[in-house]
Amino acid sequence: MSDQLRRQIEILKLLPRPGLAKSTGDIHKQLKERDHDASKRTVERDLENLLEVFPMSVYKESKQGTNGRTNYWHLTSLKGLLPETLLNDNDAALALTMLKQQAYNRLPRSVVKRVDSLWQQATTTTETDQNAQRWMQLLQYLPDPMRPESPAIDSDVQSTIEEALASSDALNLTMLTLDGEIEFKKLLPLRLLLQEEILYLLAEYPDAQSMDDSIQLLPLHRITKAEARLSHNDSSLEPDLAQAHALGMEDSIRLVIRINRPLAEALFNRPIGREQSLMEDADNPGHYLVTTYIDNSPQLRRWLTRRNGKELEIVEPEDLV
């Protein structure tokens, strides 16, 4: 942890409740007593920075004295001072540190930038707490080996796309494909989709020649340039229907399959659908019947095709047999 970050955390600990405000000089003196070697001007800059970051929590009042104006500081409330990590709450720090591992692709880029320093503070807090370190060792996050971590996304591209989604602007994009770069003009963004650790943009392409081409699903990590432009047109597509079309999703189905023992062990620990039940097949020793409700997706059909005849037999629905 940097000296500045350590010092600012210490300053937050020193700030009193309303009615007990401390001057910059008082805070500087107390910091020196705690072995923080910094000038009064540096402490003043730290306080101004904290006021900017936590305007709902840090309060500044200037008063005229015999030697000029003096700034006094106090906390107005802990609300907005996310989280108690800054006040050495080890439990909150542990929670934030472990959530960080899965949060980057599930948060807007602007939010990631704003909370990154807080995550760093949470990590620092857990590094000094033995109980937190013990839990970090006892509970390990392991990504699915068949679903690797998401490739890096250009931060400017992602920010532009997120802003266009929020403001209903159109997008001009350049994307890298197997055949080289292609350009899309006046795309109407609908939403972002996170599937198997890949973040996609779902958008309408009004200039497309066919219905299939009018619905685009573009991986953000393959987009090399993004430019937002004012649009007076709204998308004609309902996002949920466009998403189902782009993903090849059909209605939810009741799936019944007969499976062998090894696959039964796997599905017992990791169900593939909702309300899954698994029971022995009395007519086929060593086999089990699985009943579940699941979206009829390309991923499901590929999964069934790879195992059909070897590990499983489809009982219903008939159109999948």
C-alpha atoms as a PDB file:
ATOM      1  CA  MET A   1       0.000   0.000   0.000  1.00  0.00           C
ATOM      2  CA  SER A   2       1.335   3.444  -0.893  1.00  0.00           C
ATOM      3  CA  ASP A   3       2.234   6.005   1.777  1.00  0.00           C
ATOM      4  CA  GLN A   4      -0.520   8.293   0.500  1.00  0.00           C
ATOM      5  CA  LEU A   5      -3.205   5.626   0.765  1.00  0.00           C
ATOM      6  CA  ARG A   6      -2.035   4.582   4.231  1.00  0.00           C
ATOM      7  CA  ARG A   7      -2.050   8.210   5.338  1.00  0.00           C
ATOM      8  CA  GLN A   8      -5.539   8.906   3.991  1.00  0.00           C
ATOM      9  CA  ILE A   9      -6.956   5.855   5.759  1.00  0.00           C
ATOM     10  CA  GLU A  10      -5.401   7.120   8.982  1.00  0.00           C
ATOM     11  CA  ILE A  11      -6.930  10.578   8.403  1.00  0.00           C
ATOM     12  CA  LEU A  12     -10.401   9.032   8.076  1.00  0.00           C
ATOM     13  CA  LYS A  13      -9.879   7.325  11.417  1.00  0.00           C
ATOM     14  CA  LEU A  14      -8.980  10.687  12.985  1.00  0.00           C
ATOM     15  CA  LEU A  15     -11.972  12.667  11.647  1.00  0.00           C
ATOM     16  CA  PRO A  16     -14.482  13.237  14.483  1.00  0.00           C
ATOM     17  CA  ARG A  17     -18.269  13.461  14.622  1.00  0.00           C
ATOM     18  CA  PRO A  18     -20.054  16.791  13.966  1.00  0.00           C
ATOM     19  CA  GLY A  19     -19.458  19.304  16.731  1.00  0.00           C
ATOM     20  CA  LEU A  20     -15.954  17.962  17.356  1.00  0.00           C
ATOM     21  CA  ALA A  21     -14.241  19.265  14.235  1.00  0.00           C
ATOM     22  CA  LYS A  22     -10.451  19.260  14.004  1.00  0.00           C
ATOM     23  CA  SER A  23      -8.279  21.757  12.212  1.00  0.00           C
ATOM     24  CA  THR A  24      -5.811  20.741   9.530  1.00  0.00           C
ATOM     25  CA  GLY A  25      -3.041  21.518  12.019  1.00  0.00           C
ATOM     26  CA  ASP A  26      -4.555  19.209  14.647  1.00  0.00           C
ATOM     27  CA  ILE A  27      -4.831  16.370  12.147  1.00  0.00           C
ATOM     28  CA  HIS A  28      -1.258  16.984  10.945  1.00  0.00           C
ATOM     29  CA  LYS A  29       0.019  16.862  14.535  1.00  0.00           C
ATOM     30  CA  GLN A  30      -1.817  13.612  15.305  1.00  0.00           C
ATOM     31  CA  LEU A  31      -0.520  12.025  12.107  1.00  0.00           C
ATOM     32  CA  LYS A  32       3.063  12.855  13.103  1.00  0.00           C
ATOM     33  CA  GLU A  33       2.422  11.203  16.468  1.00  0.00           C
ATOM     34  CA  ARG A  34       1.439   8.078  14.514  1.00  0.00           C
ATOM     35  CA  ASP A  35       4.671   8.133  12.495  1.00  0.00           C
ATOM     36  CA  HIS A  36       3.251   9.640   9.303  1.00  0.00           C
ATOM     37  CA  ASP A  37       5.952  11.987   8.090  1.00  0.00           C
ATOM     38  CA  ALA A  38       4.189  14.470   5.792  1.00  0.00           C
ATOM     39  CA  SER A  39       3.997  18.242   5.546  1.00  0.00           C
ATOM     40  CA  LYS A  40       0.930  20.181   6.623  1.00  0.00           C
ATOM     41  CA  ARG A  41       0.353  21.118   2.976  1.00  0.00           C
ATOM     42  CA  THR A  42       0.378  17.427   1.990  1.00  0.00           C
ATOM     43  CA  VAL A  43      -2.178  16.657   4.694  1.00  0.00           C
ATOM     44  CA  GLU A  44      -4.331  19.536   3.420  1.00  0.00           C
ATOM     45  CA  ARG A  45      -4.236  18.018  -0.088  1.00  0.00           C
ATOM     46  CA  ASP A  46      -5.176  14.606   1.342  1.00  0.00           C
ATOM     47  CA  LEU A  47      -8.173  16.128   3.107  1.00  0.00           C
ATOM     48  CA  GLU A  48      -9.311  17.926  -0.050  1.00  0.00           C
ATOM     49  CA  ASN A  49      -8.992  14.659  -1.969  1.00  0.00           C
ATOM     50  CA  LEU A  50     -11.094  12.798   0.610  1.00  0.00           C
ATOM     51  CA  LEU A  51     -13.701  15.576   0.436  1.00  0.00           C
ATOM     52  CA  GLU A  52     -13.897  15.112  -3.327  1.00  0.00           C
ATOM     53  CA  VAL A  53     -14.155  11.310  -3.131  1.00  0.00           C
ATOM     54  CA  PHE A  54     -16.598  11.220  -0.175  1.00  0.00           C
ATOM     55  CA  PRO A  55     -18.678  14.435  -0.420  1.00  0.00           C
ATOM     56  CA  MET A  56     -21.530  12.834   1.570  1.00  0.00           C
ATOM     57  CA  SER A  57     -19.271  11.893   4.466  1.00  0.00           C
ATOM     58  CA  VAL A  58     -16.442  14.425   4.842  1.00  0.00           C
ATOM     59  CA  TYR A  59     -17.268  18.034   5.781  1.00  0.00           C
ATOM     60  CA  LYS A  60     -15.038  21.118   5.590  1.00  0.00           C
ATOM     61  CA  GLU A  61     -15.664  24.462   7.280  1.00  0.00           C
ATOM     62  CA  SER A  62     -13.422  27.521   6.951  1.00  0.00           C
ATOM     63  CA  LYS A  63     -13.183  30.085   9.746  1.00  0.00           C
ATOM     64  CA  GLN A  64     -11.336  33.380   9.905  1.00  0.00           C
ATOM     65  CA  GLY A  65      -8.786  33.559  12.714  1.00  0.00           C
ATOM     66  CA  THR A  66      -6.104  35.970  13.865  1.00  0.00           C
ATOM     67  CA  ASN A  67      -3.533  34.239  11.628  1.00  0.00           C
ATOM     68  CA  GLY A  68      -5.778  33.911   8.586  1.00  0.00           C
ATOM     69  CA  ARG A  69      -8.400  31.357   7.574  1.00  0.00           C
ATOM     70  CA  THR A  70      -8.344  27.906   9.143  1.00  0.00           C
ATOM     71  CA  ASN A  71     -10.051  24.804   7.783  1.00  0.00           C
ATOM     72  CA  TYR A  72     -11.881  22.483  10.177  1.00  0.00           C
ATOM     73  CA  TRP A  73     -12.911  18.933   9.301  1.00  0.00           C
ATOM     74  CA  HIS A  74     -15.321  16.298  10.557  1.00  0.00           C
ATOM     75  CA  LEU A  75     -17.452  13.396   9.363  1.00  0.00           C
ATOM     76  CA  THR A  76     -21.105  14.095   8.701  1.00  0.00           C
ATOM     77  CA  SER A  77     -22.076  10.437   8.383  1.00  0.00           C
ATOM     78  CA  LEU A  78     -20.618   7.050   7.568  1.00  0.00           C
ATOM     79  CA  LYS A  79     -23.190   6.714   4.764  1.00  0.00           C
ATOM     80  CA  GLY A  80     -21.374   6.825   1.465  1.00  0.00           C
ATOM     81  CA  LEU A  81     -18.065   6.039   3.132  1.00  0.00           C
ATOM     82  CA  LEU A  82     -18.031   2.632   1.482  1.00  0.00           C
ATOM     83  CA  PRO A  83     -17.212   0.521   3.101  1.00  0.00           C
ATOM     84  CA  GLU A  84     -16.188   0.211   6.658  1.00  0.00           C
ATOM     85  CA  THR A  85     -13.066  -1.236   5.047  1.00  0.00           C
ATOM     86  CA  LEU A  86     -11.615   2.262   5.415  1.00  0.00           C
ATOM     87  CA  LEU A  87     -12.203   1.960   9.135  1.00  0.00           C
ATOM     88  CA  ASN A  88     -10.547  -1.460   9.323  1.00  0.00           C
ATOM     89  CA  ASP A  89     -13.674  -3.616   9.216  1.00  0.00           C
ATOM     90  CA  ASN A  90     -12.020  -6.966   8.497  1.00  0.00           C
ATOM     91  CA  ASP A  91     -15.260  -8.767   7.598  1.00  0.00           C
ATOM     92  CA  ALA A  92     -16.229  -6.150   5.004  1.00  0.00           C
ATOM     93  CA  ALA A  93     -12.694  -6.230   3.610  1.00  0.00           C
ATOM     94  CA  LEU A  94     -12.781 -10.011   3.249  1.00  0.00           C
ATOM     95  CA  ALA A  95     -16.160  -9.885   1.471  1.00  0.00           C
ATOM     96  CA  LEU A  96     -14.998  -7.213  -0.987  1.00  0.00           C
ATOM     97  CA  THR A  97     -11.713  -8.962  -1.676  1.00  0.00           C
ATOM     98  CA  MET A  98     -13.412 -12.235  -2.568  1.00  0.00           C
ATOM     99  CA  LEU A  99     -16.168 -10.580  -4.616  1.00  0.00           C
ATOM    100  CA  LYS A 100     -13.578  -8.655  -6.615  1.00  0.00           C
ATOM    101  CA  GLN A 101     -12.492 -11.879  -8.307  1.00  0.00           C
ATOM    102  CA  GLN A 102     -15.753 -12.118 -10.230  1.00  0.00           C
ATOM    103  CA  ALA A 103     -16.889  -8.515 -10.430  1.00  0.00           C
ATOM    104  CA  TYR A 104     -14.866  -6.895 -13.217  1.00  0.00           C
ATOM    105  CA  ASN A 105     -16.930  -8.157 -16.156  1.00  0.00           C
ATOM    106  CA  ARG A 106     -20.192  -7.697 -14.289  1.00  0.00           C
ATOM    107  CA  LEU A 107     -19.844  -3.990 -13.550  1.00  0.00           C
ATOM    108  CA  PRO A 108     -19.803  -0.939 -15.831  1.00  0.00           C
ATOM    109  CA  ARG A 109     -16.276   0.205 -16.584  1.00  0.00           C
ATOM    110  CA  SER A 110     -16.909   3.570 -14.888  1.00  0.00           C
ATOM    111  CA  VAL A 111     -17.951   1.820 -11.671  1.00  0.00           C
ATOM    112  CA  VAL A 112     -14.864  -0.415 -11.755  1.00  0.00           C
ATOM    113  CA  LYS A 113     -12.643   2.658 -11.967  1.00  0.00           C
ATOM    114  CA  ARG A 114     -14.401   4.338  -9.035  1.00  0.00           C
ATOM    115  CA  VAL A 115     -14.283   1.347  -6.700  1.00  0.00           C
ATOM    116  CA  ASP A 116     -10.842   0.058  -7.678  1.00  0.00           C
ATOM    117  CA  SER A 117      -9.114   2.056  -4.946  1.00  0.00           C
ATOM    118  CA  LEU A 118     -11.581   0.686  -2.402  1.00  0.00           C
ATOM    119  CA  TRP A 119     -10.840  -2.843  -3.542  1.00  0.00           C
ATOM    120  CA  GLN A 120      -7.148  -2.113  -3.077  1.00  0.00           C
ATOM    121  CA  GLN A 121      -7.845  -0.906   0.454  1.00  0.00           C
ATOM    122  CA  ALA A 122      -9.906  -4.033   1.164  1.00  0.00           C
ATOM    123  CA  THR A 123      -7.061  -6.236  -0.076  1.00  0.00           C
ATOM    124  CA  THR A 124      -4.604  -4.378   2.138  1.00  0.00           C
ATOM    125  CA  THR A 125      -6.872  -4.831   5.153  1.00  0.00           C
ATOM    126  CA  THR A 126      -7.171  -8.589   4.572  1.00  0.00           C
ATOM    127  CA  GLU A 127      -3.384  -8.853   4.252  1.00  0.00           C
ATOM    128  CA  THR A 128      -3.032  -7.672   7.843  1.00  0.00           C
ATOM    129  CA  ASP A 129      -5.802  -9.837   9.311  1.00  0.00           C
ATOM    130  CA  GLN A 130      -4.903 -13.448  10.108  1.00  0.00           C
ATOM    131  CA  ASN A 131      -8.496 -14.686  10.131  1.00  0.00           C
ATOM    132  CA  ALA A 132      -9.164 -13.148   6.705  1.00  0.00           C
ATOM    133  CA  GLN A 133      -5.980 -14.686   5.331  1.00  0.00           C
ATOM    134  CA  ARG A 134      -7.033 -18.056   6.705  1.00  0.00           C
ATOM    135  CA  TRP A 135     -10.374 -17.862   4.892  1.00  0.00           C
ATOM    136  CA  MET A 136      -8.662 -16.769   1.689  1.00  0.00           C
ATOM    137  CA  GLN A 137      -6.738 -20.033   1.856  1.00  0.00           C
ATOM    138  CA  LEU A 138      -9.707 -22.172   2.894  1.00  0.00           C
ATOM    139  CA  LEU A 139     -12.056 -20.825   0.220  1.00  0.00           C
ATOM    140  CA  GLN A 140     -10.475 -20.626  -3.225  1.00  0.00           C
ATOM    141  CA  TYR A 141     -12.169 -19.269  -6.334  1.00  0.00           C
ATOM    142  CA  LEU A 142     -11.514 -21.549  -9.310  1.00  0.00           C
ATOM    143  CA  PRO A 143     -12.813 -20.455 -12.719  1.00  0.00           C
ATOM    144  CA  ASP A 144     -14.356 -23.144 -14.876  1.00  0.00           C
ATOM    145  CA  PRO A 145     -11.492 -24.631 -16.942  1.00  0.00           C
ATOM    146  CA  MET A 146     -13.859 -24.868 -19.906  1.00  0.00           C
ATOM    147  CA  ARG A 147     -14.774 -21.204 -19.512  1.00  0.00           C
ATOM    148  CA  PRO A 148     -11.520 -19.263 -19.238  1.00  0.00           C
ATOM    149  CA  GLU A 149     -11.294 -15.726 -17.934  1.00  0.00           C
ATOM    150  CA  SER A 150     -12.625 -13.083 -20.288  1.00  0.00           C
ATOM    151  CA  PRO A 151     -10.113 -11.620 -22.762  1.00  0.00           C
ATOM    152  CA  ALA A 152      -9.041  -8.038 -22.176  1.00  0.00           C
ATOM    153  CA  ILE A 153     -11.425  -5.356 -23.457  1.00  0.00           C
ATOM    154  CA  ASP A 154     -10.272  -1.925 -24.589  1.00  0.00           C
ATOM    155  CA  SER A 155     -11.396   0.371 -21.745  1.00  0.00           C
ATOM    156  CA  ASP A 156     -12.210   3.284 -24.083  1.00  0.00           C
ATOM    157  CA  VAL A 157     -14.309   1.005 -26.290  1.00  0.00           C
ATOM    158  CA  GLN A 158     -16.247  -0.355 -23.325  1.00  0.00           C
ATOM    159  CA  SER A 159     -16.823   3.110 -21.842  1.00  0.00           C
ATOM    160  CA  THR A 160     -18.115   4.434 -25.185  1.00  0.00           C
ATOM    161  CA  ILE A 161     -20.511   1.507 -25.579  1.00  0.00           C
ATOM    162  CA  GLU A 162     -21.795   1.818 -22.009  1.00  0.00           C
ATOM    163  CA  GLU A 163     -22.398   5.550 -22.458  1.00  0.00           C
ATOM    164  CA  ALA A 164     -24.252   4.902 -25.739  1.00  0.00           C
ATOM    165  CA  LEU A 165     -26.472   2.356 -24.010  1.00  0.00           C
ATOM    166  CA  ALA A 166     -27.250   4.799 -21.204  1.00  0.00           C
ATOM    167  CA  SER A 167     -28.014   7.724 -23.535  1.00  0.00           C
ATOM    168  CA  SER A 168     -29.652   5.754 -26.404  1.00  0.00           C
ATOM    169  CA  ASP A 169     -27.011   6.903 -28.884  1.00  0.00           C
ATOM    170  CA  ALA A 170     -26.058   5.001 -32.022  1.00  0.00           C
ATOM    171  CA  LEU A 171     -22.622   3.453 -32.495  1.00  0.00           C
ATOM    172  CA  ASN A 172     -20.063   3.240 -35.260  1.00  0.00           C
ATOM    173  CA  LEU A 173     -17.839   0.232 -34.580  1.00  0.00           C
ATOM    174  CA  THR A 174     -14.794  -1.436 -36.074  1.00  0.00           C
ATOM    175  CA  MET A 175     -14.451  -5.113 -35.229  1.00  0.00           C
ATOM    176  CA  LEU A 176     -11.749  -7.679 -35.866  1.00  0.00           C
ATOM    177  CA  THR A 177     -12.918 -10.963 -37.463  1.00  0.00           C
ATOM    178  CA  LEU A 178     -11.227 -14.013 -38.939  1.00  0.00           C
ATOM    179  CA  ASP A 179     -11.359 -12.294 -42.323  1.00  0.00           C
ATOM    180  CA  GLY A 180     -10.032  -8.952 -41.141  1.00  0.00           C
ATOM    181  CA  GLU A 181     -11.694  -5.795 -39.889  1.00  0.00           C
ATOM    182  CA  ILE A 182     -15.314  -4.924 -40.649  1.00  0.00           C
ATOM    183  CA  GLU A 183     -17.246  -1.761 -39.844  1.00  0.00           C
ATOM    184  CA  PHE A 184     -20.758  -1.240 -38.565  1.00  0.00           C
ATOM    185  CA  LYS A 185     -22.466   2.118 -38.976  1.00  0.00           C
ATOM    186  CA  LYS A 186     -25.385   3.423 -36.924  1.00  0.00           C
ATOM    187  CA  LEU A 187     -25.753   0.347 -34.738  1.00  0.00           C
ATOM    188  CA  LEU A 188     -28.515   0.719 -32.141  1.00  0.00           C
ATOM    189  CA  PRO A 189     -27.275  -0.872 -28.890  1.00  0.00           C
ATOM    190  CA  LEU A 190     -29.789  -2.927 -26.912  1.00  0.00           C
ATOM    191  CA  ARG A 191     -27.876  -4.415 -23.973  1.00  0.00           C
ATOM    192  CA  LEU A 192     -24.682  -6.134 -22.827  1.00  0.00           C
ATOM    193  CA  LEU A 193     -24.675  -9.908 -22.365  1.00  0.00           C
ATOM    194  CA  LEU A 194     -22.177 -11.892 -20.306  1.00  0.00           C
ATOM    195  CA  GLN A 195     -22.052 -15.488 -21.489  1.00  0.00           C
ATOM    196  CA  GLU A 196     -19.375 -18.011 -20.522  1.00  0.00           C
ATOM    197  CA  GLU A 197     -17.093 -15.190 -19.326  1.00  0.00           C
ATOM    198  CA  ILE A 198     -17.336 -13.328 -22.654  1.00  0.00           C
ATOM    199  CA  LEU A 199     -18.993  -9.899 -22.713  1.00  0.00           C
ATOM    200  CA  TYR A 200     -21.089  -9.220 -25.824  1.00  0.00           C
ATOM    201  CA  LEU A 201     -22.924  -6.233 -27.257  1.00  0.00           C
ATOM    202  CA  LEU A 202     -26.433  -7.011 -28.494  1.00  0.00           C
ATOM    203  CA  ALA A 203     -27.427  -4.430 -31.082  1.00  0.00           C
ATOM    204  CA  GLU A 204     -29.742  -3.762 -34.003  1.00  0.00           C
ATOM    205  CA  TYR A 205     -28.132  -3.092 -37.392  1.00  0.00           C
ATOM    206  CA  PRO A 206     -30.756  -1.117 -39.337  1.00  0.00           C
ATOM    207  CA  ASP A 207     -28.802  -1.253 -42.626  1.00  0.00           C
ATOM    208  CA  ALA A 208     -28.744  -5.068 -42.677  1.00  0.00           C
ATOM    209  CA  GLN A 209     -30.186  -6.875 -45.687  1.00  0.00           C
ATOM    210  CA  SER A 210     -31.908  -9.631 -43.680  1.00  0.00           C
ATOM    211  CA  MET A 211     -33.562 -10.183 -40.336  1.00  0.00           C
ATOM    212  CA  ASP A 212     -30.768 -12.486 -39.199  1.00  0.00           C
ATOM    213  CA  ASP A 213     -28.129  -9.854 -39.956  1.00  0.00           C
ATOM    214  CA  SER A 214     -30.141  -7.078 -38.307  1.00  0.00           C
ATOM    215  CA  ILE A 215     -29.514  -8.618 -34.889  1.00  0.00           C
ATOM    216  CA  GLN A 216     -25.823  -8.475 -34.040  1.00  0.00           C
ATOM    217  CA  LEU A 217     -24.032 -10.129 -31.137  1.00  0.00           C
ATOM    218  CA  LEU A 218     -20.531  -8.673 -30.980  1.00  0.00           C
ATOM    219  CA  PRO A 219     -17.790  -9.716 -28.492  1.00  0.00           C
ATOM    220  CA  LEU A 220     -16.416  -6.562 -26.912  1.00  0.00           C
ATOM    221  CA  HIS A 221     -12.835  -7.805 -26.851  1.00  0.00           C
ATOM    222  CA  ARG A 222     -12.885  -7.963 -30.681  1.00  0.00           C
ATOM    223  CA  ILE A 223     -14.068  -4.359 -31.083  1.00  0.00           C
ATOM    224  CA  THR A 224     -11.083  -2.131 -31.845  1.00  0.00           C
ATOM    225  CA  LYS A 225     -12.839   1.232 -32.285  1.00  0.00           C
ATOM    226  CA  ALA A 226     -16.114   2.663 -31.014  1.00  0.00           C
ATOM    227  CA  GLU A 227     -17.690   6.035 -31.690  1.00  0.00           C
ATOM    228  CA  ALA A 228     -21.029   7.217 -30.340  1.00  0.00           C
ATOM    229  CA  ARG A 229     -23.260   9.430 -32.432  1.00  0.00           C
ATOM    230  CA  LEU A 230     -26.563  11.149 -31.741  1.00  0.00           C
ATOM    231  CA  SER A 231     -29.495   9.109 -32.979  1.00  0.00           C
ATOM    232  CA  HIS A 232     -33.113  10.138 -33.430  1.00  0.00           C
ATOM    233  CA  ASN A 233     -34.201   6.559 -34.060  1.00  0.00           C
ATOM    234  CA  ASP A 234     -35.143   3.993 -31.463  1.00  0.00           C
ATOM    235  CA  SER A 235     -34.629   0.294 -32.023  1.00  0.00           C
ATOM    236  CA  SER A 236     -37.626  -1.531 -33.457  1.00  0.00           C
ATOM    237  CA  LEU A 237     -36.617  -4.714 -31.631  1.00  0.00           C
ATOM    238  CA  GLU A 238     -37.760  -5.909 -28.235  1.00  0.00           C
ATOM    239  CA  PRO A 239     -34.489  -6.678 -26.388  1.00  0.00           C
ATOM    240  CA  ASP A 240     -35.624 -10.001 -24.891  1.00  0.00           C
ATOM    241  CA  LEU A 241     -36.784 -11.318 -28.274  1.00  0.00           C
ATOM    242  CA  ALA A 242     -33.629 -10.051 -29.981  1.00  0.00           C
ATOM    243  CA  GLN A 243     -31.529 -11.773 -27.325  1.00  0.00           C
ATOM    244  CA  ALA A 244     -33.365 -15.073 -27.760  1.00  0.00           C
ATOM    245  CA  HIS A 245     -32.917 -14.847 -31.550  1.00  0.00           C
ATOM    246  CA  ALA A 246     -29.216 -13.967 -31.328  1.00  0.00           C
ATOM    247  CA  LEU A 247     -28.492 -16.824 -28.926  1.00  0.00           C
ATOM    248  CA  GLY A 248     -30.627 -19.340 -30.819  1.00  0.00           C
ATOM    249  CA  MET A 249     -32.777 -19.786 -27.728  1.00  0.00           C
ATOM    250  CA  GLU A 250     -36.147 -21.445 -27.965  1.00  0.00           C
ATOM    251  CA  ASP A 251     -38.736 -21.948 -25.258  1.00  0.00           C
ATOM    252  CA  SER A 252     -37.917 -23.650 -21.985  1.00  0.00           C
ATOM    253  CA  ILE A 253     -38.470 -27.398 -22.227  1.00  0.00           C
ATOM    254  CA  ARG A 254     -38.977 -30.343 -19.910  1.00  0.00           C
ATOM    255  CA  LEU A 255     -35.997 -32.580 -20.577  1.00  0.00           C
ATOM    256  CA  VAL A 256     -35.892 -36.252 -19.573  1.00  0.00           C
ATOM    257  CA  ILE A 257     -32.711 -38.233 -20.228  1.00  0.00           C
ATOM    258  CA  ARG A 258     -31.449 -41.701 -19.259  1.00  0.00           C
ATOM    259  CA  ILE A 259     -27.790 -41.531 -18.224  1.00  0.00           C
ATOM    260  CA  ASN A 260     -25.020 -43.843 -17.038  1.00  0.00           C
ATOM    261  CA  ARG A 261     -23.503 -43.833 -13.560  1.00  0.00           C
ATOM    262  CA  PRO A 262     -20.485 -41.537 -14.198  1.00  0.00           C
ATOM    263  CA  LEU A 263     -22.665 -38.841 -15.767  1.00  0.00           C
ATOM    264  CA  ALA A 264     -25.186 -39.240 -12.953  1.00  0.00           C
ATOM    265  CA  GLU A 265     -22.400 -38.521 -10.447  1.00  0.00           C
ATOM    266  CA  ALA A 266     -21.491 -35.360 -12.365  1.00  0.00           C
ATOM    267  CA  LEU A 267     -25.079 -34.087 -12.630  1.00  0.00           C
ATOM    268  CA  PHE A 268     -25.781 -34.939  -9.004  1.00  0.00           C
ATOM    269  CA  ASN A 269     -23.086 -32.425  -8.028  1.00  0.00           C
ATOM    270  CA  ARG A 270     -23.734 -29.909 -10.814  1.00  0.00           C
ATOM    271  CA  PRO A 271     -27.322 -29.835 -12.110  1.00  0.00           C
ATOM    272  CA  ILE A 272     -27.803 -28.734 -15.703  1.00  0.00           C
ATOM    273  CA  GLY A 273     -31.276 -27.238 -15.309  1.00  0.00           C
ATOM    274  CA  ARG A 274     -33.975 -26.043 -12.951  1.00  0.00           C
ATOM    275  CA  GLU A 275     -35.834 -28.312 -10.545  1.00  0.00           C
ATOM    276  CA  GLN A 276     -33.616 -31.215 -11.534  1.00  0.00           C
ATOM    277  CA  SER A 277     -34.539 -34.633 -10.155  1.00  0.00           C
ATOM    278  CA  LEU A 278     -32.378 -37.738 -10.465  1.00  0.00           C
ATOM    279  CA  MET A 279     -33.565 -41.281  -9.725  1.00  0.00           C
ATOM    280  CA  GLU A 280     -32.461 -44.819 -10.482  1.00  0.00           C
ATOM    281  CA  ASP A 281     -33.977 -46.420 -13.578  1.00  0.00           C
ATOM    282  CA  ALA A 282     -35.544 -49.638 -12.320  1.00  0.00           C
ATOM    283  CA  ASP A 283     -35.684 -51.109 -15.834  1.00  0.00           C
ATOM    284  CA  ASN A 284     -32.032 -50.366 -16.633  1.00  0.00           C
ATOM    285  CA  PRO A 285     -29.613 -51.288 -13.827  1.00  0.00           C
ATOM    286  CA  GLY A 286     -26.687 -48.904 -13.533  1.00  0.00           C
ATOM    287  CA  HIS A 287     -28.628 -46.092 -15.217  1.00  0.00           C
ATOM    288  CA  TYR A 288     -30.542 -43.085 -13.920  1.00  0.00           C
ATOM    289  CA  LEU A 289     -33.388 -40.903 -15.152  1.00  0.00           C
ATOM    290  CA  VAL A 290     -32.876 -37.148 -15.010  1.00  0.00           C
ATOM    291  CA  THR A 291     -35.830 -34.768 -15.310  1.00  0.00           C
ATOM    292  CA  THR A 292     -35.224 -31.025 -15.473  1.00  0.00           C
ATOM    293  CA  TYR A 293     -36.479 -27.779 -16.994  1.00  0.00           C
ATOM    294  CA  ILE A 294     -33.964 -25.980 -19.201  1.00  0.00           C
ATOM    295  CA  ASP A 295     -33.745 -23.471 -22.070  1.00  0.00           C
ATOM    296  CA  ASN A 296     -33.587 -25.158 -25.471  1.00  0.00           C
ATOM    297  CA  SER A 297     -30.318 -23.534 -26.502  1.00  0.00           C
ATOM    298  CA  PRO A 298     -27.516 -24.356 -28.968  1.00  0.00           C
ATOM    299  CA  GLN A 299     -25.291 -25.132 -25.975  1.00  0.00           C
ATOM    300  CA  LEU A 300     -27.769 -27.722 -24.724  1.00  0.00           C
ATOM    301  CA  ARG A 301     -28.119 -29.325 -28.145  1.00  0.00           C
ATOM    302  CA  ARG A 302     -24.331 -29.547 -28.544  1.00  0.00           C
ATOM    303  CA  TRP A 303     -24.017 -31.056 -25.056  1.00  0.00           C
ATOM    304  CA  LEU A 304     -26.649 -33.694 -25.862  1.00  0.00           C
ATOM    305  CA  THR A 305     -25.153 -34.489 -29.273  1.00  0.00           C
ATOM    306  CA  ARG A 306     -21.678 -35.139 -27.845  1.00  0.00           C
ATOM    307  CA  ARG A 307     -23.057 -37.601 -25.293  1.00  0.00           C
ATOM    308  CA  ASN A 308     -26.015 -39.152 -27.099  1.00  0.00           C
ATOM    309  CA  GLY A 309     -25.635 -42.918 -27.538  1.00  0.00           C
ATOM    310  CA  LYS A 310     -22.623 -43.147 -25.221  1.00  0.00           C
ATOM    311  CA  GLU A 311     -23.474 -41.576 -21.925  1.00  0.00           C
ATOM    312  CA  LEU A 312     -27.133 -40.715 -22.328  1.00  0.00           C
ATOM    313  CA  GLU A 313     -30.362 -41.430 -24.130  1.00  0.00           C
ATOM    314  CA  ILE A 314     -32.956 -38.700 -24.717  1.00  0.00           C
ATOM    315  CA  VAL A 315     -36.406 -39.766 -23.540  1.00  0.00           C
ATOM    316  CA  GLU A 316     -38.251 -36.488 -24.167  1.00  0.00           C
ATOM    317  CA  PRO A 317     -39.034 -34.156 -25.832  1.00  0.00           C
ATOM    318  CA  GLU A 318     -39.522 -36.142 -28.996  1.00  0.00           C
ATOM    319  CA  ASP A 319     -38.027 -33.514 -31.330  1.00  0.00           C
ATOM    320  CA  LEU A 320     -34.655 -33.917 -29.572  1.00  0.00           C
ATOM    321  CA  VAL A 321     -34.655 -37.727 -29.716  1.00  0.00           C
END
